[in-house]
Amino acid sequence: MSDPQKRATVYFDPAVHQALRVKSAETDRSMSDLVNEAVQLSLMEDAEDLEAYKNRVAEPDMPFADVLKELKQNGTI
């Protein structure tokens, strides 16, 4: 039976790699586990954003200039 996990080569900025190594050692978790968790969280955020967009797609667009004007009029800025 083959391993269900897939292997990938990822290149990190040296400072990020060092931080990942330290966090791995301090948390007693593998670097792979930490990276997998970070990617999963990022993908979940994307899914939430897409769902929010889908739920708001019918809302009217409002130009940024109009938003600023409204904020100035009500004293927010």
PDB file of N, CA and C in Angstrom:
ATOM      1  N   MET A   1       0.851  -1.180   0.000  1.00  0.00           N
ATOM      2  CA  MET A   1       0.000   0.000   0.000  1.00  0.00           C
ATOM      3  C   MET A   1       0.894   1.240   0.000  1.00  0.00           C
ATOM      4  N   SER A   2       0.587   2.204  -0.857  1.00  0.00           N
ATOM      5  CA  SER A   2       1.412   3.410  -0.936  1.00  0.00           C
ATOM      6  C   SER A   2       0.967   4.449   0.093  1.00  0.00           C
ATOM      7  N   ASP A   3       1.894   5.331   0.412  1.00  0.00           N
ATOM      8  CA  ASP A   3       1.631   6.409   1.364  1.00  0.00           C
ATOM      9  C   ASP A   3       0.675   7.421   0.735  1.00  0.00           C
ATOM     10  N   PRO A   4      -0.416   7.821   1.418  1.00  0.00           N
ATOM     11  CA  PRO A   4      -1.377   8.753   0.824  1.00  0.00           C
ATOM     12  C   PRO A   4      -0.860  10.187   0.743  1.00  0.00           C
ATOM     13  N   GLN A   5       0.213  10.499   1.440  1.00  0.00           N
ATOM     14  CA  GLN A   5       0.750  11.859   1.411  1.00  0.00           C
ATOM     15  C   GLN A   5       1.571  12.063   0.147  1.00  0.00           C
ATOM     16  N   LYS A   6       1.615  13.294  -0.321  1.00  0.00           N
ATOM     17  CA  LYS A   6       2.389  13.647  -1.504  1.00  0.00           C
ATOM     18  C   LYS A   6       3.582  14.482  -1.092  1.00  0.00           C
ATOM     19  N   ARG A   7       4.660  14.321  -1.792  1.00  0.00           N
ATOM     20  CA  ARG A   7       5.896  15.041  -1.515  1.00  0.00           C
ATOM     21  C   ARG A   7       5.989  16.227  -2.476  1.00  0.00           C
ATOM     22  N   ALA A   8       6.493  17.351  -1.966  1.00  0.00           N
ATOM     23  CA  ALA A   8       6.697  18.541  -2.784  1.00  0.00           C
ATOM     24  C   ALA A   8       7.968  19.238  -2.315  1.00  0.00           C
ATOM     25  N   THR A   9       8.596  19.913  -3.226  1.00  0.00           N
ATOM     26  CA  THR A   9       9.763  20.708  -2.872  1.00  0.00           C
ATOM     27  C   THR A   9       9.306  22.147  -2.704  1.00  0.00           C
ATOM     28  N   VAL A  10       9.612  22.718  -1.560  1.00  0.00           N
ATOM     29  CA  VAL A  10       9.216  24.091  -1.255  1.00  0.00           C
ATOM     30  C   VAL A  10      10.473  24.862  -0.877  1.00  0.00           C
ATOM     31  N   TYR A  11      10.631  26.043  -1.443  1.00  0.00           N
ATOM     32  CA  TYR A  11      11.781  26.880  -1.131  1.00  0.00           C
ATOM     33  C   TYR A  11      11.334  28.012  -0.216  1.00  0.00           C
ATOM     34  N   PHE A  12      11.991  28.130   0.931  1.00  0.00           N
ATOM     35  CA  PHE A  12      11.663  29.159   1.913  1.00  0.00           C
ATOM     36  C   PHE A  12      12.744  30.232   1.927  1.00  0.00           C
ATOM     37  N   ASP A  13      12.334  31.424   2.254  1.00  0.00           N
ATOM     38  CA  ASP A  13      13.276  32.477   2.593  1.00  0.00           C
ATOM     39  C   ASP A  13      14.075  31.950   3.795  1.00  0.00           C
ATOM     40  N   PRO A  14      15.389  32.192   3.839  1.00  0.00           N
ATOM     41  CA  PRO A  14      16.187  31.646   4.948  1.00  0.00           C
ATOM     42  C   PRO A  14      15.661  32.010   6.337  1.00  0.00           C
ATOM     43  N   ALA A  15      15.191  33.230   6.516  1.00  0.00           N
ATOM     44  CA  ALA A  15      14.673  33.625   7.835  1.00  0.00           C
ATOM     45  C   ALA A  15      13.387  32.874   8.169  1.00  0.00           C
ATOM     46  N   VAL A  16      12.539  32.653   7.171  1.00  0.00           N
ATOM     47  CA  VAL A  16      11.298  31.894   7.393  1.00  0.00           C
ATOM     48  C   VAL A  16      11.639  30.445   7.717  1.00  0.00           C
ATOM     49  N   HIS A  17      12.606  29.898   7.005  1.00  0.00           N
ATOM     50  CA  HIS A  17      13.022  28.520   7.257  1.00  0.00           C
ATOM     51  C   HIS A  17      13.554  28.369   8.684  1.00  0.00           C
ATOM     52  N   GLN A  18      14.355  29.321   9.115  1.00  0.00           N
ATOM     53  CA  GLN A  18      14.900  29.279  10.479  1.00  0.00           C
ATOM     54  C   GLN A  18      13.772  29.360  11.507  1.00  0.00           C
ATOM     55  N   ALA A  19      12.830  30.261  11.294  1.00  0.00           N
ATOM     56  CA  ALA A  19      11.703  30.393  12.220  1.00  0.00           C
ATOM     57  C   ALA A  19      10.880  29.103  12.256  1.00  0.00           C
ATOM     58  N   LEU A  20      10.699  28.492  11.100  1.00  0.00           N
ATOM     59  CA  LEU A  20       9.956  27.237  11.031  1.00  0.00           C
ATOM     60  C   LEU A  20      10.689  26.125  11.780  1.00  0.00           C
ATOM     61  N   ARG A  21      12.013  26.068  11.623  1.00  0.00           N
ATOM     62  CA  ARG A  21      12.807  25.059  12.337  1.00  0.00           C
ATOM     63  C   ARG A  21      12.699  25.257  13.846  1.00  0.00           C
ATOM     64  N   VAL A  22      12.771  26.500  14.295  1.00  0.00           N
ATOM     65  CA  VAL A  22      12.683  26.792  15.727  1.00  0.00           C
ATOM     66  C   VAL A  22      11.301  26.424  16.257  1.00  0.00           C
ATOM     67  N   LYS A  23      10.261  26.820  15.516  1.00  0.00           N
ATOM     68  CA  LYS A  23       8.903  26.503  15.963  1.00  0.00           C
ATOM     69  C   LYS A  23       8.690  24.999  15.998  1.00  0.00           C
ATOM     70  N   SER A  24       9.230  24.296  15.033  1.00  0.00           N
ATOM     71  CA  SER A  24       9.123  22.848  15.001  1.00  0.00           C
ATOM     72  C   SER A  24       9.755  22.236  16.249  1.00  0.00           C
ATOM     73  N   ALA A  25      10.928  22.718  16.588  1.00  0.00           N
ATOM     74  CA  ALA A  25      11.622  22.189  17.765  1.00  0.00           C
ATOM     75  C   ALA A  25      10.887  22.540  19.056  1.00  0.00           C
ATOM     76  N   GLU A  26      10.399  23.771  19.147  1.00  0.00           N
ATOM     77  CA  GLU A  26       9.733  24.215  20.373  1.00  0.00           C
ATOM     78  C   GLU A  26       8.377  23.554  20.587  1.00  0.00           C
ATOM     79  N   THR A  27       7.703  23.212  19.506  1.00  0.00           N
ATOM     80  CA  THR A  27       6.359  22.638  19.623  1.00  0.00           C
ATOM     81  C   THR A  27       6.366  21.122  19.495  1.00  0.00           C
ATOM     82  N   ASP A  28       7.548  20.552  19.230  1.00  0.00           N
ATOM     83  CA  ASP A  28       7.682  19.109  19.034  1.00  0.00           C
ATOM     84  C   ASP A  28       6.762  18.613  17.925  1.00  0.00           C
ATOM     85  N   ARG A  29       6.670  19.420  16.873  1.00  0.00           N
ATOM     86  CA  ARG A  29       5.887  19.064  15.684  1.00  0.00           C
ATOM     87  C   ARG A  29       6.815  19.130  14.483  1.00  0.00           C
ATOM     88  N   SER A  30       6.543  18.315  13.495  1.00  0.00           N
ATOM     89  CA  SER A  30       7.399  18.317  12.312  1.00  0.00           C
ATOM     90  C   SER A  30       7.155  19.584  11.493  1.00  0.00           C
ATOM     91  N   MET A  31       8.177  19.947  10.734  1.00  0.00           N
ATOM     92  CA  MET A  31       8.026  21.095   9.837  1.00  0.00           C
ATOM     93  C   MET A  31       6.905  20.827   8.841  1.00  0.00           C
ATOM     94  N   SER A  32       6.798  19.593   8.373  1.00  0.00           N
ATOM     95  CA  SER A  32       5.720  19.247   7.436  1.00  0.00           C
ATOM     96  C   SER A  32       4.346  19.472   8.054  1.00  0.00           C
ATOM     97  N   ASP A  33       4.174  19.079   9.306  1.00  0.00           N
ATOM     98  CA  ASP A  33       2.894  19.293   9.982  1.00  0.00           C
ATOM     99  C   ASP A  33       2.572  20.779  10.085  1.00  0.00           C
ATOM    100  N   LEU A  34       3.567  21.576  10.444  1.00  0.00           N
ATOM    101  CA  LEU A  34       3.344  23.014  10.572  1.00  0.00           C
ATOM    102  C   LEU A  34       2.991  23.645   9.226  1.00  0.00           C
ATOM    103  N   VAL A  35       3.692  23.254   8.177  1.00  0.00           N
ATOM    104  CA  VAL A  35       3.409  23.807   6.844  1.00  0.00           C
ATOM    105  C   VAL A  35       2.037  23.351   6.363  1.00  0.00           C
ATOM    106  N   ASN A  36       1.722  22.063   6.554  1.00  0.00           N
ATOM    107  CA  ASN A  36       0.402  21.567   6.155  1.00  0.00           C
ATOM    108  C   ASN A  36      -0.709  22.339   6.859  1.00  0.00           C
ATOM    109  N   GLU A  37      -0.552  22.573   8.154  1.00  0.00           N
ATOM    110  CA  GLU A  37      -1.569  23.302   8.909  1.00  0.00           C
ATOM    111  C   GLU A  37      -1.713  24.728   8.383  1.00  0.00           C
ATOM    112  N   ALA A  38      -0.587  25.385   8.106  1.00  0.00           N
ATOM    113  CA  ALA A  38      -0.634  26.758   7.598  1.00  0.00           C
ATOM    114  C   ALA A  38      -1.326  26.825   6.241  1.00  0.00           C
ATOM    115  N   VAL A  39      -1.037  25.864   5.371  1.00  0.00           N
ATOM    116  CA  VAL A  39      -1.671  25.842   4.053  1.00  0.00           C
ATOM    117  C   VAL A  39      -3.166  25.569   4.190  1.00  0.00           C
ATOM    118  N   GLN A  40      -3.527  24.630   5.048  1.00  0.00           N
ATOM    119  CA  GLN A  40      -4.945  24.334   5.266  1.00  0.00           C
ATOM    120  C   GLN A  40      -5.690  25.571   5.774  1.00  0.00           C
ATOM    121  N   LEU A  41      -5.097  26.289   6.724  1.00  0.00           N
ATOM    122  CA  LEU A  41      -5.738  27.499   7.253  1.00  0.00           C
ATOM    123  C   LEU A  41      -5.904  28.547   6.147  1.00  0.00           C
ATOM    124  N   SER A  42      -4.894  28.689   5.315  1.00  0.00           N
ATOM    125  CA  SER A  42      -4.971  29.642   4.217  1.00  0.00           C
ATOM    126  C   SER A  42      -6.078  29.258   3.234  1.00  0.00           C
ATOM    127  N   LEU A  43      -6.177  27.982   2.914  1.00  0.00           N
ATOM    128  CA  LEU A  43      -7.223  27.525   1.998  1.00  0.00           C
ATOM    129  C   LEU A  43      -8.612  27.692   2.607  1.00  0.00           C
ATOM    130  N   MET A  44      -8.732  27.474   3.921  1.00  0.00           N
ATOM    131  CA  MET A  44     -10.022  27.678   4.587  1.00  0.00           C
ATOM    132  C   MET A  44     -10.423  29.146   4.529  1.00  0.00           C
ATOM    133  N   GLU A  45      -9.454  30.048   4.717  1.00  0.00           N
ATOM    134  CA  GLU A  45      -9.739  31.477   4.606  1.00  0.00           C
ATOM    135  C   GLU A  45     -10.213  31.816   3.200  1.00  0.00           C
ATOM    136  N   ASP A  46      -9.553  31.255   2.192  1.00  0.00           N
ATOM    137  CA  ASP A  46      -9.978  31.485   0.810  1.00  0.00           C
ATOM    138  C   ASP A  46     -11.407  31.009   0.597  1.00  0.00           C
ATOM    139  N   ALA A  47     -11.724  29.825   1.116  1.00  0.00           N
ATOM    140  CA  ALA A  47     -13.074  29.281   0.967  1.00  0.00           C
ATOM    141  C   ALA A  47     -14.100  30.185   1.649  1.00  0.00           C
ATOM    142  N   GLU A  48     -13.758  30.701   2.831  1.00  0.00           N
ATOM    143  CA  GLU A  48     -14.663  31.620   3.538  1.00  0.00           C
ATOM    144  C   GLU A  48     -14.857  32.903   2.743  1.00  0.00           C
ATOM    145  N   ASP A  49     -13.766  33.417   2.181  1.00  0.00           N
ATOM    146  CA  ASP A  49     -13.859  34.641   1.376  1.00  0.00           C
ATOM    147  C   ASP A  49     -14.741  34.424   0.151  1.00  0.00           C
ATOM    148  N   LEU A  50     -14.571  33.283  -0.519  1.00  0.00           N
ATOM    149  CA  LEU A  50     -15.385  32.992  -1.697  1.00  0.00           C
ATOM    150  C   LEU A  50     -16.853  32.847  -1.330  1.00  0.00           C
ATOM    151  N   GLU A  51     -17.123  32.229  -0.188  1.00  0.00           N
ATOM    152  CA  GLU A  51     -18.504  32.084   0.272  1.00  0.00           C
ATOM    153  C   GLU A  51     -19.108  33.452   0.587  1.00  0.00           C
ATOM    154  N   ALA A  52     -18.340  34.308   1.255  1.00  0.00           N
ATOM    155  CA  ALA A  52     -18.831  35.657   1.562  1.00  0.00           C
ATOM    156  C   ALA A  52     -19.092  36.437   0.277  1.00  0.00           C
ATOM    157  N   TYR A  53     -18.198  36.295  -0.691  1.00  0.00           N
ATOM    158  CA  TYR A  53     -18.395  36.978  -1.974  1.00  0.00           C
ATOM    159  C   TYR A  53     -19.673  36.483  -2.647  1.00  0.00           C
ATOM    160  N   LYS A  54     -19.853  35.152  -2.646  1.00  0.00           N
ATOM    161  CA  LYS A  54     -21.044  34.571  -3.270  1.00  0.00           C
ATOM    162  C   LYS A  54     -22.315  35.112  -2.608  1.00  0.00           C
ATOM    163  N   ASN A  55     -22.288  35.268  -1.291  1.00  0.00           N
ATOM    164  CA  ASN A  55     -23.459  35.749  -0.561  1.00  0.00           C
ATOM    165  C   ASN A  55     -23.716  37.240  -0.783  1.00  0.00           C
ATOM    166  N   ARG A  56     -22.695  37.980  -1.235  1.00  0.00           N
ATOM    167  CA  ARG A  56     -22.854  39.432  -1.393  1.00  0.00           C
ATOM    168  C   ARG A  56     -22.817  39.886  -2.845  1.00  0.00           C
ATOM    169  N   VAL A  57     -22.745  38.950  -3.782  1.00  0.00           N
ATOM    170  CA  VAL A  57     -22.571  39.313  -5.183  1.00  0.00           C
ATOM    171  C   VAL A  57     -23.731  40.171  -5.709  1.00  0.00           C
ATOM    172  N   ALA A  58     -24.896  40.043  -5.134  1.00  0.00           N
ATOM    173  CA  ALA A  58     -26.052  40.808  -5.606  1.00  0.00           C
ATOM    174  C   ALA A  58     -26.103  42.225  -5.029  1.00  0.00           C
ATOM    175  N   GLU A  59     -25.244  42.538  -4.070  1.00  0.00           N
ATOM    176  CA  GLU A  59     -25.240  43.878  -3.489  1.00  0.00           C
ATOM    177  C   GLU A  59     -24.748  44.894  -4.520  1.00  0.00           C
ATOM    178  N   PRO A  60     -25.298  46.096  -4.468  1.00  0.00           N
ATOM    179  CA  PRO A  60     -24.857  47.108  -5.435  1.00  0.00           C
ATOM    180  C   PRO A  60     -23.420  47.551  -5.152  1.00  0.00           C
ATOM    181  N   ASP A  61     -22.719  47.893  -6.211  1.00  0.00           N
ATOM    182  CA  ASP A  61     -21.368  48.436  -6.075  1.00  0.00           C
ATOM    183  C   ASP A  61     -21.448  49.876  -5.611  1.00  0.00           C
ATOM    184  N   MET A  62     -20.469  50.283  -4.830  1.00  0.00           N
ATOM    185  CA  MET A  62     -20.402  51.666  -4.370  1.00  0.00           C
ATOM    186  C   MET A  62     -18.992  52.169  -4.617  1.00  0.00           C
ATOM    187  N   PRO A  63     -18.862  53.204  -5.432  1.00  0.00           N
ATOM    188  CA  PRO A  63     -17.514  53.731  -5.697  1.00  0.00           C
ATOM    189  C   PRO A  63     -16.829  54.191  -4.411  1.00  0.00           C
ATOM    190  N   PHE A  64     -15.520  54.001  -4.352  1.00  0.00           N
ATOM    191  CA  PHE A  64     -14.748  54.356  -3.167  1.00  0.00           C
ATOM    192  C   PHE A  64     -14.906  55.830  -2.815  1.00  0.00           C
ATOM    193  N   ALA A  65     -14.956  56.678  -3.817  1.00  0.00           N
ATOM    194  CA  ALA A  65     -15.129  58.118  -3.576  1.00  0.00           C
ATOM    195  C   ALA A  65     -16.434  58.385  -2.835  1.00  0.00           C
ATOM    196  N   ASP A  66     -17.473  57.627  -3.168  1.00  0.00           N
ATOM    197  CA  ASP A  66     -18.761  57.796  -2.483  1.00  0.00           C
ATOM    198  C   ASP A  66     -18.678  57.328  -1.034  1.00  0.00           C
ATOM    199  N   VAL A  67     -17.934  56.266  -0.792  1.00  0.00           N
ATOM    200  CA  VAL A  67     -17.755  55.776   0.573  1.00  0.00           C
ATOM    201  C   VAL A  67     -17.041  56.834   1.410  1.00  0.00           C
ATOM    202  N   LEU A  68     -15.972  57.411   0.858  1.00  0.00           N
ATOM    203  CA  LEU A  68     -15.253  58.473   1.571  1.00  0.00           C
ATOM    204  C   LEU A  68     -16.155  59.668   1.836  1.00  0.00           C
ATOM    205  N   LYS A  69     -16.930  60.059   0.857  1.00  0.00           N
ATOM    206  CA  LYS A  69     -17.838  61.195   1.010  1.00  0.00           C
ATOM    207  C   LYS A  69     -18.832  60.936   2.140  1.00  0.00           C
ATOM    208  N   GLU A  70     -19.385  59.732   2.177  1.00  0.00           N
ATOM    209  CA  GLU A  70     -20.346  59.363   3.217  1.00  0.00           C
ATOM    210  C   GLU A  70     -19.687  59.375   4.600  1.00  0.00           C
ATOM    211  N   LEU A  71     -18.452  58.851   4.689  1.00  0.00           N
ATOM    212  CA  LEU A  71     -17.735  58.839   5.964  1.00  0.00           C
ATOM    213  C   LEU A  71     -17.445  60.258   6.451  1.00  0.00           C
ATOM    214  N   LYS A  72     -17.124  61.143   5.540  1.00  0.00           N
ATOM    215  CA  LYS A  72     -16.885  62.553   5.906  1.00  0.00           C
ATOM    216  C   LYS A  72     -18.171  63.213   6.367  1.00  0.00           C
ATOM    217  N   GLN A  73     -19.271  62.941   5.666  1.00  0.00           N
ATOM    218  CA  GLN A  73     -20.551  63.559   6.000  1.00  0.00           C
ATOM    219  C   GLN A  73     -21.048  63.141   7.384  1.00  0.00           C
ATOM    220  N   ASN A  74     -20.819  61.871   7.748  1.00  0.00           N
ATOM    221  CA  ASN A  74     -21.319  61.433   9.058  1.00  0.00           C
ATOM    222  C   ASN A  74     -20.285  61.621  10.171  1.00  0.00           C
ATOM    223  N   GLY A  75     -19.143  62.259   9.845  1.00  0.00           N
ATOM    224  CA  GLY A  75     -18.156  62.598  10.858  1.00  0.00           C
ATOM    225  C   GLY A  75     -17.221  61.476  11.267  1.00  0.00           C
ATOM    226  N   THR A  76     -17.231  60.384  10.546  1.00  0.00           N
ATOM    227  CA  THR A  76     -16.338  59.267  10.870  1.00  0.00           C
ATOM    228  C   THR A  76     -14.889  59.616  10.568  1.00  0.00           C
ATOM    229  N   ILE A  77     -14.683  60.335   9.474  1.00  0.00           N
ATOM    230  CA  ILE A  77     -13.319  60.786   9.138  1.00  0.00           C
ATOM    231  C   ILE A  77     -13.309  62.283   8.888  1.00  0.00           C
TER     232      ILE A  77
END
